[in-house]
């Protein structure tokens, strides 16, 4: 909890409750093969009021909004840059639940680029392919 308080103080923000709860449960973990970042690995993007929490391993991230300005708790997909943010889910809890369900059903979490080659459903299907 001290590390969370230090991070919030350093960045001048308050982390969303769901993210705090995740960090208290485990400060970084691999969830069904998906890398959830530790607090030390997370980066706060002040101008967008988001913090990354999930790394795809290819320069893409999932981020969570930390301000009412960006609809706090909303999960965004970031394709390499904050210039390419797409809302994915309204909460971290809901995102986690949907990610686990997709992995259990398909054996993997499909990256937005995967939908160009597959005619399937998934939580990232809504992302416009040309943005990715």
C-alpha atoms as a PDB file:
ATOM      1  CA  UNK A   1       0.000   0.000   0.000  1.00  0.00           C
ATOM      2  CA  UNK A   2       2.934   2.313   0.705  1.00  0.00           C
ATOM      3  CA  UNK A   3       4.165   1.927  -2.891  1.00  0.00           C
ATOM      4  CA  UNK A   4       0.706   2.871  -4.176  1.00  0.00           C
ATOM      5  CA  UNK A   5       0.602   5.954  -1.957  1.00  0.00           C
ATOM      6  CA  UNK A   6       4.095   6.938  -3.106  1.00  0.00           C
ATOM      7  CA  UNK A   7       3.156   6.516  -6.781  1.00  0.00           C
ATOM      8  CA  UNK A   8      -0.023   8.577  -6.339  1.00  0.00           C
ATOM      9  CA  UNK A   9       1.876  11.297  -4.519  1.00  0.00           C
ATOM     10  CA  UNK A  10       4.679  11.375  -7.110  1.00  0.00           C
ATOM     11  CA  UNK A  11       2.248  11.568 -10.055  1.00  0.00           C
ATOM     12  CA  UNK A  12      -0.322  13.784  -8.312  1.00  0.00           C
ATOM     13  CA  UNK A  13      -3.182  11.380  -9.036  1.00  0.00           C
ATOM     14  CA  UNK A  14      -5.406   8.871  -7.307  1.00  0.00           C
ATOM     15  CA  UNK A  15      -5.445   5.446  -8.864  1.00  0.00           C
ATOM     16  CA  UNK A  16      -8.854   3.904  -9.550  1.00  0.00           C
ATOM     17  CA  UNK A  17     -10.038   1.615  -6.754  1.00  0.00           C
ATOM     18  CA  UNK A  18     -10.085  -1.454  -9.010  1.00  0.00           C
ATOM     19  CA  UNK A  19      -6.452  -0.899 -10.013  1.00  0.00           C
ATOM     20  CA  UNK A  20      -5.440  -0.402  -6.379  1.00  0.00           C
ATOM     21  CA  UNK A  21      -7.179  -3.644  -5.433  1.00  0.00           C
ATOM     22  CA  UNK A  22      -5.379  -5.495  -8.228  1.00  0.00           C
ATOM     23  CA  UNK A  23      -2.007  -4.091  -7.129  1.00  0.00           C
ATOM     24  CA  UNK A  24      -2.679  -5.043  -3.498  1.00  0.00           C
ATOM     25  CA  UNK A  25      -3.610  -8.570  -4.623  1.00  0.00           C
ATOM     26  CA  UNK A  26      -0.499  -8.870  -6.795  1.00  0.00           C
ATOM     27  CA  UNK A  27       1.936  -6.195  -7.866  1.00  0.00           C
ATOM     28  CA  UNK A  28       2.371  -7.586 -11.359  1.00  0.00           C
ATOM     29  CA  UNK A  29       1.281 -10.998 -12.557  1.00  0.00           C
ATOM     30  CA  UNK A  30       0.763 -13.196 -15.566  1.00  0.00           C
ATOM     31  CA  UNK A  31      -2.967 -13.790 -15.944  1.00  0.00           C
ATOM     32  CA  UNK A  32      -3.623 -16.744 -18.273  1.00  0.00           C
ATOM     33  CA  UNK A  33      -0.555 -15.748 -20.278  1.00  0.00           C
ATOM     34  CA  UNK A  34      -1.285 -11.993 -20.221  1.00  0.00           C
ATOM     35  CA  UNK A  35       1.287  -9.704 -18.584  1.00  0.00           C
ATOM     36  CA  UNK A  36      -0.278  -7.407 -15.993  1.00  0.00           C
ATOM     37  CA  UNK A  37       2.366  -4.823 -15.145  1.00  0.00           C
ATOM     38  CA  UNK A  38       3.746  -4.146 -11.693  1.00  0.00           C
ATOM     39  CA  UNK A  39       3.410  -0.622 -10.329  1.00  0.00           C
ATOM     40  CA  UNK A  40       7.097  -0.001 -11.130  1.00  0.00           C
ATOM     41  CA  UNK A  41       6.464  -0.931 -14.782  1.00  0.00           C
ATOM     42  CA  UNK A  42       3.352   1.193 -15.187  1.00  0.00           C
ATOM     43  CA  UNK A  43       3.579   4.536 -16.924  1.00  0.00           C
ATOM     44  CA  UNK A  44       1.276   7.476 -16.300  1.00  0.00           C
ATOM     45  CA  UNK A  45       0.367   9.541 -19.359  1.00  0.00           C
ATOM     46  CA  UNK A  46      -0.578  12.847 -17.747  1.00  0.00           C
ATOM     47  CA  UNK A  47      -2.053  14.602 -20.781  1.00  0.00           C
ATOM     48  CA  UNK A  48      -4.488  11.714 -21.403  1.00  0.00           C
ATOM     49  CA  UNK A  49      -5.015  10.908 -17.705  1.00  0.00           C
ATOM     50  CA  UNK A  50      -4.375   7.198 -18.274  1.00  0.00           C
ATOM     51  CA  UNK A  51      -1.968   4.616 -16.878  1.00  0.00           C
ATOM     52  CA  UNK A  52      -0.916   1.448 -18.667  1.00  0.00           C
ATOM     53  CA  UNK A  53      -1.442  -1.845 -16.836  1.00  0.00           C
ATOM     54  CA  UNK A  54      -1.322  -4.611 -19.473  1.00  0.00           C
ATOM     55  CA  UNK A  55       1.467  -5.138 -21.985  1.00  0.00           C
ATOM     56  CA  UNK A  56       0.835  -7.018 -25.212  1.00  0.00           C
ATOM     57  CA  UNK A  57       4.567  -7.447 -25.729  1.00  0.00           C
ATOM     58  CA  UNK A  58       4.624  -5.689 -29.107  1.00  0.00           C
ATOM     59  CA  UNK A  59       4.462  -2.034 -28.066  1.00  0.00           C
ATOM     60  CA  UNK A  60       0.693  -2.084 -27.513  1.00  0.00           C
ATOM     61  CA  UNK A  61      -0.834  -1.632 -24.078  1.00  0.00           C
ATOM     62  CA  UNK A  62      -4.125  -1.565 -22.276  1.00  0.00           C
ATOM     63  CA  UNK A  63      -4.580   1.458 -20.043  1.00  0.00           C
ATOM     64  CA  UNK A  64      -7.064   2.608 -17.433  1.00  0.00           C
ATOM     65  CA  UNK A  65      -8.365   6.137 -17.053  1.00  0.00           C
ATOM     66  CA  UNK A  66      -7.543   7.856 -13.767  1.00  0.00           C
ATOM     67  CA  UNK A  67      -9.721  10.925 -14.158  1.00  0.00           C
ATOM     68  CA  UNK A  68     -13.331  11.837 -14.719  1.00  0.00           C
ATOM     69  CA  UNK A  69     -12.095  13.742 -17.780  1.00  0.00           C
ATOM     70  CA  UNK A  70     -11.358  10.422 -19.494  1.00  0.00           C
ATOM     71  CA  UNK A  71     -14.242   8.485 -17.915  1.00  0.00           C
ATOM     72  CA  UNK A  72     -12.461   7.098 -14.870  1.00  0.00           C
ATOM     73  CA  UNK A  73     -12.034   3.297 -14.807  1.00  0.00           C
ATOM     74  CA  UNK A  74     -12.523   3.007 -18.568  1.00  0.00           C
ATOM     75  CA  UNK A  75     -10.049   0.574 -20.111  1.00  0.00           C
ATOM     76  CA  UNK A  76      -8.437   1.740 -23.366  1.00  0.00           C
ATOM     77  CA  UNK A  77      -6.377  -0.113 -25.956  1.00  0.00           C
ATOM     78  CA  UNK A  78      -3.279   1.902 -26.887  1.00  0.00           C
ATOM     79  CA  UNK A  79      -1.678   0.996 -30.205  1.00  0.00           C
ATOM     80  CA  UNK A  80       1.974   2.023 -29.669  1.00  0.00           C
ATOM     81  CA  UNK A  81       1.094   5.649 -28.865  1.00  0.00           C
ATOM     82  CA  UNK A  82      -1.356   7.716 -26.864  1.00  0.00           C
ATOM     83  CA  UNK A  83      -2.466   9.093 -30.246  1.00  0.00           C
ATOM     84  CA  UNK A  84      -4.225   5.758 -30.839  1.00  0.00           C
ATOM     85  CA  UNK A  85      -6.524   5.086 -27.888  1.00  0.00           C
ATOM     86  CA  UNK A  86      -9.711   3.064 -28.248  1.00  0.00           C
ATOM     87  CA  UNK A  87     -12.136   2.413 -25.368  1.00  0.00           C
ATOM     88  CA  UNK A  88     -12.495  -1.315 -24.702  1.00  0.00           C
ATOM     89  CA  UNK A  89     -14.398  -1.667 -21.434  1.00  0.00           C
ATOM     90  CA  UNK A  90     -16.069   0.466 -18.789  1.00  0.00           C
ATOM     91  CA  UNK A  91     -14.164  -1.119 -15.878  1.00  0.00           C
ATOM     92  CA  UNK A  92     -11.015  -3.041 -15.038  1.00  0.00           C
ATOM     93  CA  UNK A  93     -13.066  -5.740 -13.323  1.00  0.00           C
ATOM     94  CA  UNK A  94     -15.250  -6.199 -16.402  1.00  0.00           C
ATOM     95  CA  UNK A  95     -12.182  -6.220 -18.674  1.00  0.00           C
ATOM     96  CA  UNK A  96     -10.534  -8.895 -16.519  1.00  0.00           C
ATOM     97  CA  UNK A  97     -13.672 -11.028 -16.530  1.00  0.00           C
ATOM     98  CA  UNK A  98     -14.045 -10.749 -20.318  1.00  0.00           C
ATOM     99  CA  UNK A  99     -10.346 -11.478 -20.904  1.00  0.00           C
ATOM    100  CA  UNK A 100     -10.547 -14.626 -18.772  1.00  0.00           C
ATOM    101  CA  UNK A 101     -13.737 -15.725 -20.559  1.00  0.00           C
ATOM    102  CA  UNK A 102     -12.169 -15.196 -23.997  1.00  0.00           C
ATOM    103  CA  UNK A 103      -9.034 -17.123 -23.030  1.00  0.00           C
ATOM    104  CA  UNK A 104     -11.117 -19.974 -21.628  1.00  0.00           C
ATOM    105  CA  UNK A 105     -13.282 -20.133 -24.770  1.00  0.00           C
ATOM    106  CA  UNK A 106     -10.591 -19.619 -27.431  1.00  0.00           C
ATOM    107  CA  UNK A 107      -7.434 -20.674 -25.634  1.00  0.00           C
ATOM    108  CA  UNK A 108      -5.978 -17.188 -26.179  1.00  0.00           C
ATOM    109  CA  UNK A 109      -6.748 -13.489 -26.020  1.00  0.00           C
ATOM    110  CA  UNK A 110      -7.053 -12.180 -29.557  1.00  0.00           C
ATOM    111  CA  UNK A 111      -5.099  -9.020 -30.348  1.00  0.00           C
ATOM    112  CA  UNK A 112      -6.998  -6.421 -32.423  1.00  0.00           C
ATOM    113  CA  UNK A 113      -4.871  -7.295 -35.472  1.00  0.00           C
ATOM    114  CA  UNK A 114      -6.044 -10.920 -35.233  1.00  0.00           C
ATOM    115  CA  UNK A 115      -9.547  -9.930 -36.297  1.00  0.00           C
ATOM    116  CA  UNK A 116      -8.325  -8.943 -39.771  1.00  0.00           C
ATOM    117  CA  UNK A 117      -7.663 -12.642 -40.364  1.00  0.00           C
ATOM    118  CA  UNK A 118     -10.420 -14.235 -38.297  1.00  0.00           C
ATOM    119  CA  UNK A 119     -14.167 -14.051 -38.453  1.00  0.00           C
ATOM    120  CA  UNK A 120     -14.654 -14.401 -34.704  1.00  0.00           C
ATOM    121  CA  UNK A 121     -15.981 -12.441 -31.791  1.00  0.00           C
ATOM    122  CA  UNK A 122     -13.759 -11.053 -29.047  1.00  0.00           C
ATOM    123  CA  UNK A 123     -13.432  -8.068 -26.773  1.00  0.00           C
ATOM    124  CA  UNK A 124     -11.020  -6.281 -29.144  1.00  0.00           C
ATOM    125  CA  UNK A 125     -13.014  -6.851 -32.333  1.00  0.00           C
ATOM    126  CA  UNK A 126     -14.537  -3.375 -32.243  1.00  0.00           C
ATOM    127  CA  UNK A 127     -11.191  -1.683 -32.871  1.00  0.00           C
ATOM    128  CA  UNK A 128     -10.945  -0.334 -36.402  1.00  0.00           C
ATOM    129  CA  UNK A 129      -8.224  -2.346 -38.101  1.00  0.00           C
ATOM    130  CA  UNK A 130      -6.580   0.589 -39.862  1.00  0.00           C
ATOM    131  CA  UNK A 131      -5.832   2.195 -36.471  1.00  0.00           C
ATOM    132  CA  UNK A 132      -3.885  -0.836 -35.286  1.00  0.00           C
END
